[in-house]
Amino acid sequence: VSVRARDAKVRADAAARGALLTPIAKAFSTDIGNEVTYLGVQVHGGMGFIEETGAAQHYRDARITSIYEGTNGIQSIDLVTRKLAANGGASVWALLDELGGIVKQVEASNDPAFGTTGAKLRDALGSLERASKWLLERVASAPNDALAGATPYLRLFGSTLGGCMLAGEALAAKGNGDAGDPQRYVTVARFFAENITVQAASLERTVTDSADAVNGADAVLLG
C-alpha cells in the first residue's frame, strides 16, 4: 500500500504505520523468543543445559536475534524519539483508534470464553495512551526522561498491540465457519490478554515514574 496506492495520503499513512511497527515487531518478538527458549531449557531441567536435548542451542540461537539488525535497546530508542514523535504521534493515535475498535467488538461479543480479555485490553490501551502522551511531551523538553522509559514503553506497546491483534484474529475465526476450531484462537487471545497484556499498568508506571531512578543511577554507581 505504501508503494502501490494511488492516493498520496494513503501511501504516506501506510509508510508511517510500517515505520511505527518495525521496532515493535523486531524487539518484542525477539525478546519473547528469548523468554520461550529460556523456558525450554528450564523444562528439560539439568539436561536442558547440556547439548543432548538441543534446547541450549535454541537458547543461544535466539539470543542473537535481539542483537542483530539494531539491538532492542536501540529499537526502543528509535520508537520513542523518531516513530512516536513523528507528526505529533499521529501514527500512534491512528493505531490506537483501530485497536479500540477491536476491544469494542470483543466486549460486544459477550462470549464468556474470552473471560476478562475485553477489560484487560481496554485497561492496557489506556496505559499505552497515557504513556505515549507522557513520552511525547518529554522527547523535546526532557529527552533523558523519555529515553529512560524507552524499553518498558516498547514492551508496553508490544504487549498491548499483540493482545489486541490476537483478539481480532479470534473474532475473525469466530465469524468464519471454515476456520476450523475458533475456540483455539479465543483461548490463545485470552491467555495473552490475562497473562501478558495485563502487565501494561506496571509498565506504564515504570515509564512515567522511574526516570529519576534511572537517570540518577550513574552518579551513585559510577561515583
Protein backbone atom coordinates (compact mmCIF):
# COMPACT_ATOMS: atom_id res chain seq x y z
CA VAL A 1 0.00 0.00 0.00
CA SER A 2 2.82 2.43 0.83
CA VAL A 3 4.12 1.97 -2.74
CA ARG A 4 1.14 0.98 -4.90
CA ALA A 5 -1.73 3.08 -3.57
CA ARG A 6 -2.75 5.89 -5.90
CA ASP A 7 -3.66 8.31 -3.12
CA ALA A 8 -0.57 10.06 -1.76
CA LYS A 9 -2.03 10.31 1.74
CA VAL A 10 -2.80 6.59 1.79
CA ARG A 11 0.79 5.86 0.77
CA ALA A 12 2.17 8.19 3.43
CA ASP A 13 -0.06 6.77 6.17
CA ALA A 14 0.88 3.21 5.24
CA ALA A 15 4.59 4.05 5.25
CA ALA A 16 4.24 5.70 8.67
CA ARG A 17 2.38 2.64 10.01
CA GLY A 18 5.11 0.34 8.74
CA ALA A 19 7.81 2.51 10.30
CA LEU A 20 5.98 2.55 13.63
CA LEU A 21 5.54 -1.21 13.71
CA THR A 22 9.12 -2.07 12.70
CA PRO A 23 10.88 -1.56 16.07
CA ILE A 24 7.96 -3.11 17.95
CA ALA A 25 7.84 -6.22 15.78
CA LYS A 26 11.60 -6.68 15.86
CA ALA A 27 12.26 -6.07 19.55
CA PHE A 28 9.12 -7.50 21.13
CA SER A 29 9.17 -10.72 19.12
CA THR A 30 12.87 -11.39 19.70
CA ASP A 31 12.57 -10.64 23.42
CA ILE A 32 9.70 -13.12 23.60
CA GLY A 33 11.80 -15.61 21.63
CA ASN A 34 14.49 -15.36 24.30
CA GLU A 35 11.91 -15.97 27.01
CA VAL A 36 10.50 -19.00 25.22
CA THR A 37 13.89 -20.63 24.74
CA TYR A 38 14.80 -19.81 28.35
CA LEU A 39 11.73 -21.76 29.43
CA GLY A 40 12.64 -24.53 27.00
CA VAL A 41 15.93 -25.06 28.80
CA GLN A 42 14.17 -25.00 32.16
CA VAL A 43 11.54 -27.53 31.08
CA HIS A 44 14.34 -30.02 30.43
CA GLY A 45 15.87 -29.38 33.84
CA GLY A 46 19.59 -30.05 34.12
CA MET A 47 19.50 -31.88 30.78
CA GLY A 48 18.45 -28.63 29.10
CA PHE A 49 21.79 -27.08 29.99
CA ILE A 50 23.81 -29.61 28.04
CA GLU A 51 23.79 -30.37 24.34
CA GLU A 52 21.91 -33.68 24.30
CA THR A 53 18.40 -32.19 24.15
CA GLY A 54 19.23 -29.35 21.76
CA ALA A 55 17.44 -26.83 23.99
CA ALA A 56 20.66 -24.98 24.81
CA GLN A 57 21.39 -24.49 21.11
CA HIS A 58 17.96 -22.94 20.58
CA TYR A 59 18.64 -20.63 23.55
CA ARG A 60 21.96 -19.47 22.07
CA ASP A 61 20.47 -19.04 18.61
CA ALA A 62 17.56 -16.98 19.92
CA ARG A 63 19.86 -14.72 21.92
CA ILE A 64 21.48 -13.21 18.85
CA THR A 65 18.14 -12.12 17.42
CA SER A 66 17.82 -9.32 19.96
CA ILE A 67 21.25 -8.04 18.88
CA TYR A 68 21.07 -8.33 15.08
CA GLU A 69 19.53 -5.56 12.96
CA GLY A 70 19.76 -2.97 15.73
CA THR A 71 19.84 -4.08 19.34
CA ASN A 72 16.49 -4.00 21.05
CA GLY A 73 17.58 -1.10 23.22
CA ILE A 74 18.27 0.92 20.09
CA GLN A 75 14.94 -0.17 18.62
CA SER A 76 13.24 1.17 21.76
CA ILE A 77 15.02 4.50 21.43
CA ASP A 78 14.03 4.66 17.76
CA LEU A 79 10.40 4.01 18.69
CA VAL A 80 10.31 6.86 21.21
CA THR A 81 12.47 9.51 19.55
CA ARG A 82 11.50 9.01 15.91
CA LYS A 83 8.40 6.89 15.41
CA LEU A 84 6.30 8.15 18.32
CA ALA A 85 7.47 11.73 17.83
CA ALA A 86 6.69 11.83 14.11
CA ASN A 87 3.82 14.21 13.28
CA GLY A 88 2.87 14.67 16.91
CA GLY A 89 2.19 10.97 17.39
CA ALA A 90 -0.36 10.80 14.57
CA SER A 91 0.54 7.22 13.62
CA VAL A 92 0.22 6.07 17.22
CA TRP A 93 -3.17 7.70 17.74
CA ALA A 94 -4.49 6.22 14.49
CA LEU A 95 -3.37 2.74 15.53
CA LEU A 96 -4.86 3.08 19.00
CA ASP A 97 -8.19 4.02 17.45
CA GLU A 98 -8.16 0.83 15.40
CA LEU A 99 -7.22 -1.28 18.39
CA GLY A 100 -10.01 0.34 20.38
CA GLY A 101 -12.44 -0.88 17.74
CA ILE A 102 -11.27 -4.45 18.27
CA VAL A 103 -11.76 -4.13 22.02
CA LYS A 104 -15.31 -2.90 21.48
CA GLN A 105 -16.05 -5.96 19.34
CA VAL A 106 -14.67 -8.31 22.00
CA GLU A 107 -16.84 -6.65 24.64
CA ALA A 108 -19.89 -6.70 22.37
CA SER A 109 -19.46 -10.40 21.62
CA ASN A 110 -20.43 -11.32 25.21
CA ASP A 111 -18.57 -14.59 24.73
CA PRO A 112 -17.71 -15.99 28.19
CA ALA A 113 -14.78 -17.87 26.63
CA PHE A 114 -12.98 -14.52 26.31
CA GLY A 115 -13.01 -14.20 30.10
CA THR A 116 -11.75 -10.73 31.05
CA THR A 117 -9.98 -10.18 27.72
CA GLY A 118 -12.00 -7.09 26.82
CA ALA A 119 -11.42 -5.38 30.15
CA LYS A 120 -7.73 -6.24 30.19
CA LEU A 121 -7.22 -4.89 26.68
CA ARG A 122 -9.15 -1.71 27.40
CA ASP A 123 -7.04 -1.05 30.51
CA ALA A 124 -3.88 -1.69 28.51
CA LEU A 125 -4.91 0.73 25.77
CA GLY A 126 -5.45 3.37 28.45
CA SER A 127 -1.97 2.73 29.83
CA LEU A 128 -0.43 2.89 26.37
CA GLU A 129 -2.20 6.14 25.51
CA ARG A 130 -1.15 7.83 28.76
CA ALA A 131 2.44 6.63 28.48
CA SER A 132 2.58 7.77 24.84
CA LYS A 133 1.38 11.26 25.73
CA TRP A 134 3.83 11.46 28.65
CA LEU A 135 6.77 10.47 26.45
CA LEU A 136 5.72 12.73 23.60
CA GLU A 137 5.75 15.71 25.94
CA ARG A 138 9.25 14.88 27.18
CA VAL A 139 11.02 13.91 23.98
CA ALA A 140 11.74 17.59 23.36
CA SER A 141 11.64 19.06 26.88
CA ALA A 142 13.38 16.31 28.88
CA PRO A 143 14.88 13.78 26.43
CA ASN A 144 16.72 11.81 29.10
CA ASP A 145 13.42 11.15 30.86
CA ALA A 146 11.96 9.87 27.59
CA LEU A 147 14.99 7.66 26.91
CA ALA A 148 14.82 6.20 30.42
CA GLY A 149 11.35 4.85 29.65
CA ALA A 150 12.04 3.66 26.11
CA THR A 151 12.49 -0.06 26.77
CA PRO A 152 9.46 -0.53 29.06
CA TYR A 153 7.44 1.57 26.61
CA LEU A 154 8.25 -0.78 23.74
CA ARG A 155 7.27 -3.73 25.92
CA LEU A 156 4.03 -1.95 26.83
CA PHE A 157 3.31 -1.23 23.19
CA GLY A 158 4.09 -4.75 22.04
CA SER A 159 2.08 -6.50 24.73
CA THR A 160 -0.94 -4.25 24.12
CA LEU A 161 -0.76 -4.47 20.35
CA GLY A 162 -0.22 -8.24 20.48
CA GLY A 163 -3.19 -8.73 22.77
CA CYS A 164 -5.48 -6.72 20.53
CA MET A 165 -4.30 -8.39 17.34
CA LEU A 166 -4.82 -11.86 18.80
CA ALA A 167 -8.30 -10.82 19.91
CA GLY A 168 -9.02 -9.56 16.41
CA GLU A 169 -7.85 -12.87 14.98
CA ALA A 170 -10.13 -14.72 17.39
CA LEU A 171 -13.10 -12.60 16.35
CA ALA A 172 -12.36 -13.29 12.69
CA ALA A 173 -12.13 -17.03 13.38
CA LYS A 174 -15.47 -16.96 15.20
CA GLY A 175 -17.05 -15.22 12.23
CA ASN A 176 -15.64 -17.66 9.69
CA GLY A 177 -17.29 -21.06 9.71
CA ASP A 178 -14.41 -22.58 7.73
CA ALA A 179 -11.71 -21.56 10.20
CA GLY A 180 -11.58 -24.92 11.99
CA ASP A 181 -11.91 -24.59 15.74
CA PRO A 182 -12.33 -20.88 16.57
CA GLN A 183 -12.09 -21.58 20.29
CA ARG A 184 -8.37 -22.24 19.83
CA TYR A 185 -7.95 -18.63 18.79
CA VAL A 186 -10.13 -17.37 21.62
CA THR A 187 -8.15 -19.40 24.14
CA VAL A 188 -4.83 -18.01 22.91
CA ALA A 189 -6.17 -14.45 22.90
CA ARG A 190 -7.49 -14.83 26.43
CA PHE A 191 -4.23 -16.31 27.70
CA PHE A 192 -2.21 -13.48 26.18
CA ALA A 193 -4.53 -10.77 27.47
CA GLU A 194 -4.77 -12.14 31.00
CA ASN A 195 -1.09 -13.11 31.36
CA ILE A 196 0.93 -10.75 29.14
CA THR A 197 -1.14 -7.69 28.30
CA VAL A 198 -2.19 -7.39 31.94
CA GLN A 199 1.36 -6.18 32.68
CA ALA A 200 0.56 -2.89 30.94
CA ALA A 201 -0.31 -0.91 34.07
CA SER A 202 3.00 -1.65 35.76
CA LEU A 203 4.92 -0.91 32.57
CA GLU A 204 3.12 2.43 32.32
CA ARG A 205 4.24 3.30 35.84
CA THR A 206 7.79 2.28 35.01
CA VAL A 207 7.77 4.67 32.05
CA THR A 208 6.26 7.62 33.88
CA ASP A 209 7.59 7.23 37.42
CA SER A 210 11.10 5.81 37.11
CA ALA A 211 13.05 8.33 35.06
CA ASP A 212 14.73 9.91 38.10
CA ALA A 213 15.80 6.49 39.37
CA VAL A 214 17.36 5.62 36.02
CA ASN A 215 18.98 8.99 35.39
CA GLY A 216 20.29 9.27 38.94
CA ALA A 217 21.90 5.85 38.98
CA ASP A 218 25.09 6.87 37.17
CA ALA A 219 26.09 9.43 39.76
CA VAL A 220 25.80 6.85 42.53
CA LEU A 221 27.07 3.73 40.81
CA LEU A 222 29.96 5.40 38.97
CA GLY A 223 30.84 7.95 41.62
